[in-house]
C-alpha cells in the first residue's frame, strides 16, 4: 500500500467540498471499493448480460 495509497487518499480528500463530513468521505470510499469489486468480477467473468438480469427482476 505505502505512499501510493496515501497519495490517492489525499487526492480523494482534496476533491471533496470544503463542507464535507466523515459520512461523505465514507460514501466516496464505498463507491471506489464497489467499482473495484465490479471490475474484479468482470475480469473474472462473474457477470450476466442485461437480458438475463432484467428477466430475473421481471423488468422485460
PDB file of N, CA and C in Angstrom:
ATOM      1  N   UNK A   1       0.837  -1.184   0.000  1.00  0.00           N
ATOM      2  CA  UNK A   1       0.000   0.000   0.000  1.00  0.00           C
ATOM      3  C   UNK A   1       0.879   1.243   0.000  1.00  0.00           C
ATOM      4  N   UNK A   2       1.519   1.526   1.074  1.00  0.00           N
ATOM      5  CA  UNK A   2       2.515   2.580   1.161  1.00  0.00           C
ATOM      6  C   UNK A   2       2.090   3.952   0.691  1.00  0.00           C
ATOM      7  N   UNK A   3       3.051   4.639   0.112  1.00  0.00           N
ATOM      8  CA  UNK A   3       2.838   6.043  -0.239  1.00  0.00           C
ATOM      9  C   UNK A   3       1.838   6.226  -1.375  1.00  0.00           C
ATOM     10  N   UNK A   4       1.711   5.257  -2.280  1.00  0.00           N
ATOM     11  CA  UNK A   4       0.723   5.374  -3.358  1.00  0.00           C
ATOM     12  C   UNK A   4      -0.686   5.446  -2.769  1.00  0.00           C
ATOM     13  N   UNK A   5      -0.943   4.619  -1.750  1.00  0.00           N
ATOM     14  CA  UNK A   5      -2.236   4.653  -1.081  1.00  0.00           C
ATOM     15  C   UNK A   5      -2.481   6.009  -0.432  1.00  0.00           C
ATOM     16  N   UNK A   6      -1.487   6.509   0.284  1.00  0.00           N
ATOM     17  CA  UNK A   6      -1.626   7.799   0.958  1.00  0.00           C
ATOM     18  C   UNK A   6      -1.860   8.914  -0.050  1.00  0.00           C
ATOM     19  N   UNK A   7      -1.168   8.862  -1.173  1.00  0.00           N
ATOM     20  CA  UNK A   7      -1.332   9.887  -2.202  1.00  0.00           C
ATOM     21  C   UNK A   7      -2.761   9.867  -2.744  1.00  0.00           C
ATOM     22  N   UNK A   8      -3.290   8.668  -3.015  1.00  0.00           N
ATOM     23  CA  UNK A   8      -4.663   8.567  -3.520  1.00  0.00           C
ATOM     24  C   UNK A   8      -5.665   9.035  -2.465  1.00  0.00           C
ATOM     25  N   UNK A   9      -5.404   8.730  -1.207  1.00  0.00           N
ATOM     26  CA  UNK A   9      -6.288   9.175  -0.127  1.00  0.00           C
ATOM     27  C   UNK A   9      -6.303  10.704  -0.050  1.00  0.00           C
ATOM     28  N   UNK A  10      -5.140  11.302  -0.159  1.00  0.00           N
ATOM     29  CA  UNK A  10      -5.062  12.762  -0.144  1.00  0.00           C
ATOM     30  C   UNK A  10      -5.783  13.360  -1.346  1.00  0.00           C
ATOM     31  N   UNK A  11      -5.625  12.739  -2.508  1.00  0.00           N
ATOM     32  CA  UNK A  11      -6.303  13.233  -3.705  1.00  0.00           C
ATOM     33  C   UNK A  11      -7.809  13.167  -3.536  1.00  0.00           C
ATOM     34  N   UNK A  12      -8.307  12.065  -2.971  1.00  0.00           N
ATOM     35  CA  UNK A  12      -9.735  11.931  -2.739  1.00  0.00           C
ATOM     36  C   UNK A  12     -10.227  13.027  -1.802  1.00  0.00           C
ATOM     37  N   UNK A  13      -9.531  13.222  -0.717  1.00  0.00           N
ATOM     38  CA  UNK A  13      -9.925  14.247   0.247  1.00  0.00           C
ATOM     39  C   UNK A  13      -9.900  15.632  -0.395  1.00  0.00           C
ATOM     40  N   UNK A  14      -8.915  15.884  -1.230  1.00  0.00           N
ATOM     41  CA  UNK A  14      -8.811  17.182  -1.893  1.00  0.00           C
ATOM     42  C   UNK A  14      -9.960  17.448  -2.853  1.00  0.00           C
ATOM     43  N   UNK A  15     -10.612  16.388  -3.365  1.00  0.00           N
ATOM     44  CA  UNK A  15     -11.726  16.587  -4.295  1.00  0.00           C
ATOM     45  C   UNK A  15     -13.046  16.857  -3.578  1.00  0.00           C
ATOM     46  N   UNK A  16     -13.097  16.604  -2.285  1.00  0.00           N
ATOM     47  CA  UNK A  16     -14.336  16.823  -1.532  1.00  0.00           C
ATOM     48  C   UNK A  16     -14.590  18.311  -1.323  1.00  0.00           C
ATOM     49  N   UNK A  17     -15.865  18.688  -1.246  1.00  0.00           N
ATOM     50  CA  UNK A  17     -16.185  20.088  -0.929  1.00  0.00           C
ATOM     51  C   UNK A  17     -15.659  20.464   0.458  1.00  0.00           C
ATOM     52  N   UNK A  18     -15.445  21.734   0.673  1.00  0.00           N
ATOM     53  CA  UNK A  18     -14.923  22.202   1.967  1.00  0.00           C
ATOM     54  C   UNK A  18     -15.815  21.794   3.134  1.00  0.00           C
ATOM     55  N   UNK A  19     -17.121  21.730   2.895  1.00  0.00           N
ATOM     56  CA  UNK A  19     -18.062  21.414   3.974  1.00  0.00           C
ATOM     57  C   UNK A  19     -18.301  19.914   4.133  1.00  0.00           C
ATOM     58  N   UNK A  20     -17.518  19.088   3.448  1.00  0.00           N
ATOM     59  CA  UNK A  20     -17.715  17.637   3.517  1.00  0.00           C
ATOM     60  C   UNK A  20     -17.487  17.132   4.938  1.00  0.00           C
ATOM     61  N   UNK A  21     -18.194  16.042   5.245  1.00  0.00           N
ATOM     62  CA  UNK A  21     -18.030  15.431   6.564  1.00  0.00           C
ATOM     63  C   UNK A  21     -17.561  13.986   6.406  1.00  0.00           C
ATOM     64  N   UNK A  22     -17.427  13.296   7.528  1.00  0.00           N
ATOM     65  CA  UNK A  22     -16.934  11.923   7.508  1.00  0.00           C
ATOM     66  C   UNK A  22     -17.845  11.023   6.683  1.00  0.00           C
ATOM     67  N   UNK A  23     -19.151  11.268   6.768  1.00  0.00           N
ATOM     68  CA  UNK A  23     -20.108  10.447   6.030  1.00  0.00           C
ATOM     69  C   UNK A  23     -19.881  10.569   4.519  1.00  0.00           C
ATOM     70  N   UNK A  24     -19.643  11.765   4.053  1.00  0.00           N
ATOM     71  CA  UNK A  24     -19.400  11.971   2.631  1.00  0.00           C
ATOM     72  C   UNK A  24     -18.088  11.302   2.199  1.00  0.00           C
ATOM     73  N   UNK A  25     -17.075  11.382   3.032  1.00  0.00           N
ATOM     74  CA  UNK A  25     -15.807  10.708   2.731  1.00  0.00           C
ATOM     75  C   UNK A  25     -16.028   9.204   2.663  1.00  0.00           C
ATOM     76  N   UNK A  26     -16.751   8.655   3.639  1.00  0.00           N
ATOM     77  CA  UNK A  26     -17.018   7.219   3.665  1.00  0.00           C
ATOM     78  C   UNK A  26     -17.807   6.797   2.425  1.00  0.00           C
ATOM     79  N   UNK A  27     -18.748   7.620   1.993  1.00  0.00           N
ATOM     80  CA  UNK A  27     -19.537   7.322   0.799  1.00  0.00           C
ATOM     81  C   UNK A  27     -18.645   7.257  -0.443  1.00  0.00           C
ATOM     82  N   UNK A  28     -17.727   8.178  -0.568  1.00  0.00           N
ATOM     83  CA  UNK A  28     -16.816   8.183  -1.713  1.00  0.00           C
ATOM     84  C   UNK A  28     -15.905   6.953  -1.700  1.00  0.00           C
ATOM     85  N   UNK A  29     -15.449   6.576  -0.521  1.00  0.00           N
ATOM     86  CA  UNK A  29     -14.613   5.382  -0.399  1.00  0.00           C
ATOM     87  C   UNK A  29     -15.417   4.144  -0.785  1.00  0.00           C
ATOM     88  N   UNK A  30     -16.669   4.080  -0.347  1.00  0.00           N
ATOM     89  CA  UNK A  30     -17.527   2.948  -0.678  1.00  0.00           C
ATOM     90  C   UNK A  30     -17.740   2.847  -2.189  1.00  0.00           C
ATOM     91  N   UNK A  31     -17.916   3.977  -2.856  1.00  0.00           N
ATOM     92  CA  UNK A  31     -18.076   3.983  -4.314  1.00  0.00           C
ATOM     93  C   UNK A  31     -16.833   3.413  -4.983  1.00  0.00           C
ATOM     94  N   UNK A  32     -15.673   3.838  -4.547  1.00  0.00           N
ATOM     95  CA  UNK A  32     -14.418   3.345  -5.115  1.00  0.00           C
ATOM     96  C   UNK A  32     -14.290   1.837  -4.908  1.00  0.00           C
ATOM     97  N   UNK A  33     -14.588   1.374  -3.701  1.00  0.00           N
ATOM     98  CA  UNK A  33     -14.489  -0.064  -3.414  1.00  0.00           C
ATOM     99  C   UNK A  33     -15.493  -0.868  -4.243  1.00  0.00           C
ATOM    100  N   UNK A  34     -16.712  -0.346  -4.410  1.00  0.00           N
ATOM    101  CA  UNK A  34     -17.713  -1.022  -5.229  1.00  0.00           C
ATOM    102  C   UNK A  34     -17.271  -1.107  -6.685  1.00  0.00           C
ATOM    103  N   UNK A  35     -16.704  -0.022  -7.197  1.00  0.00           N
ATOM    104  CA  UNK A  35     -16.214  -0.042  -8.576  1.00  0.00           C
ATOM    105  C   UNK A  35     -15.093  -1.055  -8.755  1.00  0.00           C
ATOM    106  N   UNK A  36     -14.173  -1.089  -7.811  1.00  0.00           N
ATOM    107  CA  UNK A  36     -13.078  -2.062  -7.887  1.00  0.00           C
ATOM    108  C   UNK A  36     -13.605  -3.492  -7.843  1.00  0.00           C
ATOM    109  N   UNK A  37     -14.583  -3.741  -6.977  1.00  0.00           N
ATOM    110  CA  UNK A  37     -15.173  -5.083  -6.889  1.00  0.00           C
ATOM    111  C   UNK A  37     -15.863  -5.449  -8.200  1.00  0.00           C
ATOM    112  N   UNK A  38     -16.568  -4.503  -8.787  1.00  0.00           N
ATOM    113  CA  UNK A  38     -17.227  -4.754 -10.061  1.00  0.00           C
ATOM    114  C   UNK A  38     -16.244  -5.043 -11.173  1.00  0.00           C
ATOM    115  N   UNK A  39     -15.157  -4.298 -11.211  1.00  0.00           N
ATOM    116  CA  UNK A  39     -14.125  -4.541 -12.221  1.00  0.00           C
ATOM    117  C   UNK A  39     -13.471  -5.909 -12.023  1.00  0.00           C
ATOM    118  N   UNK A  40     -13.256  -6.286 -10.767  1.00  0.00           N
ATOM    119  CA  UNK A  40     -12.681  -7.606 -10.480  1.00  0.00           C
ATOM    120  C   UNK A  40     -13.648  -8.705 -10.909  1.00  0.00           C
ATOM    121  N   UNK A  41     -14.945  -8.529 -10.642  1.00  0.00           N
ATOM    122  CA  UNK A  41     -15.938  -9.509 -11.077  1.00  0.00           C
ATOM    123  C   UNK A  41     -15.943  -9.630 -12.596  1.00  0.00           C
ATOM    124  N   UNK A  42     -15.876  -8.509 -13.270  1.00  0.00           N
ATOM    125  CA  UNK A  42     -15.859  -8.510 -14.728  1.00  0.00           C
ATOM    126  C   UNK A  42     -14.618  -9.229 -15.257  1.00  0.00           C
ATOM    127  N   UNK A  43     -13.475  -8.939 -14.685  1.00  0.00           N
ATOM    128  CA  UNK A  43     -12.231  -9.569 -15.119  1.00  0.00           C
ATOM    129  C   UNK A  43     -12.261 -11.075 -14.889  1.00  0.00           C
ATOM    130  N   UNK A  44     -12.969 -11.512 -13.849  1.00  0.00           N
ATOM    131  CA  UNK A  44     -13.070 -12.939 -13.534  1.00  0.00           C
ATOM    132  C   UNK A  44     -14.274 -13.579 -14.229  1.00  0.00           C
ATOM    133  N   UNK A  45     -14.921 -12.824 -15.112  1.00  0.00           N
ATOM    134  CA  UNK A  45     -16.077 -13.291 -15.874  1.00  0.00           C
ATOM    135  C   UNK A  45     -17.247 -13.687 -14.975  1.00  0.00           C
ATOM    136  N   UNK A  46     -17.399 -12.981 -13.863  1.00  0.00           N
ATOM    137  CA  UNK A  46     -18.539 -13.203 -12.970  1.00  0.00           C
ATOM    138  C   UNK A  46     -19.595 -12.138 -13.273  1.00  0.00           C
ATOM    139  N   UNK A  47     -20.156 -12.230 -14.469  1.00  0.00           N
ATOM    140  CA  UNK A  47     -21.137 -11.237 -14.926  1.00  0.00           C
ATOM    141  C   UNK A  47     -22.302 -11.946 -15.607  1.00  0.00           C
ATOM    142  N   UNK A  48     -23.420 -11.240 -15.737  1.00  0.00           N
ATOM    143  CA  UNK A  48     -24.546 -11.721 -16.526  1.00  0.00           C
ATOM    144  C   UNK A  48     -24.973 -10.597 -17.458  1.00  0.00           C
ATOM    145  N   UNK A  49     -25.598 -10.960 -18.562  1.00  0.00           N
ATOM    146  CA  UNK A  49     -25.989  -9.926 -19.520  1.00  0.00           C
ATOM    147  C   UNK A  49     -27.279  -9.235 -19.077  1.00  0.00           C
ATOM    148  N   UNK A  50     -27.567  -8.099 -19.700  1.00  0.00           N
ATOM    149  CA  UNK A  50     -28.722  -7.288 -19.328  1.00  0.00           C
ATOM    150  C   UNK A  50     -30.036  -8.043 -19.460  1.00  0.00           C
ATOM    151  N   UNK A  51     -30.196  -8.804 -20.524  1.00  0.00           N
ATOM    152  CA  UNK A  51     -31.452  -9.521 -20.746  1.00  0.00           C
ATOM    153  C   UNK A  51     -31.734 -10.484 -19.593  1.00  0.00           C
ATOM    154  N   UNK A  52     -30.722 -11.216 -19.159  1.00  0.00           N
ATOM    155  CA  UNK A  52     -30.901 -12.165 -18.056  1.00  0.00           C
ATOM    156  C   UNK A  52     -31.211 -11.424 -16.754  1.00  0.00           C
ATOM    157  N   UNK A  53     -30.501 -10.339 -16.498  1.00  0.00           N
ATOM    158  CA  UNK A  53     -30.740  -9.565 -15.283  1.00  0.00           C
ATOM    159  C   UNK A  53     -32.162  -9.009 -15.262  1.00  0.00           C
ATOM    160  N   UNK A  54     -32.585  -8.448 -16.384  1.00  0.00           N
ATOM    161  CA  UNK A  54     -33.943  -7.892 -16.472  1.00  0.00           C
ATOM    162  C   UNK A  54     -34.973  -8.993 -16.245  1.00  0.00           C
ATOM    163  N   UNK A  55     -34.740 -10.165 -16.807  1.00  0.00           N
ATOM    164  CA  UNK A  55     -35.682 -11.285 -16.636  1.00  0.00           C
ATOM    165  C   UNK A  55     -35.749 -11.707 -15.168  1.00  0.00           C
ATOM    166  N   UNK A  56     -34.608 -11.755 -14.496  1.00  0.00           N
ATOM    167  CA  UNK A  56     -34.591 -12.162 -13.088  1.00  0.00           C
ATOM    168  C   UNK A  56     -35.393 -11.205 -12.209  1.00  0.00           C
ATOM    169  N   UNK A  57     -35.441  -9.930 -12.593  1.00  0.00           N
ATOM    170  CA  UNK A  57     -36.160  -8.935 -11.802  1.00  0.00           C
ATOM    171  C   UNK A  57     -37.518  -8.586 -12.410  1.00  0.00           C
ATOM    172  N   UNK A  58     -37.933  -9.344 -13.442  1.00  0.00           N
ATOM    173  CA  UNK A  58     -39.234  -9.112 -14.066  1.00  0.00           C
ATOM    174  C   UNK A  58     -39.342  -7.754 -14.739  1.00  0.00           C
ATOM    175  N   UNK A  59     -38.291  -7.300 -15.375  1.00  0.00           N
ATOM    176  CA  UNK A  59     -38.269  -5.967 -15.988  1.00  0.00           C
ATOM    177  C   UNK A  59     -38.312  -6.028 -17.510  1.00  0.00           C
ATOM    178  N   UNK A  60     -38.882  -7.065 -18.071  1.00  0.00           N
ATOM    179  CA  UNK A  60     -38.899  -7.171 -19.534  1.00  0.00           C
ATOM    180  C   UNK A  60     -40.045  -6.436 -20.135  1.00  0.00           C
TER     181      UNK A  60
END
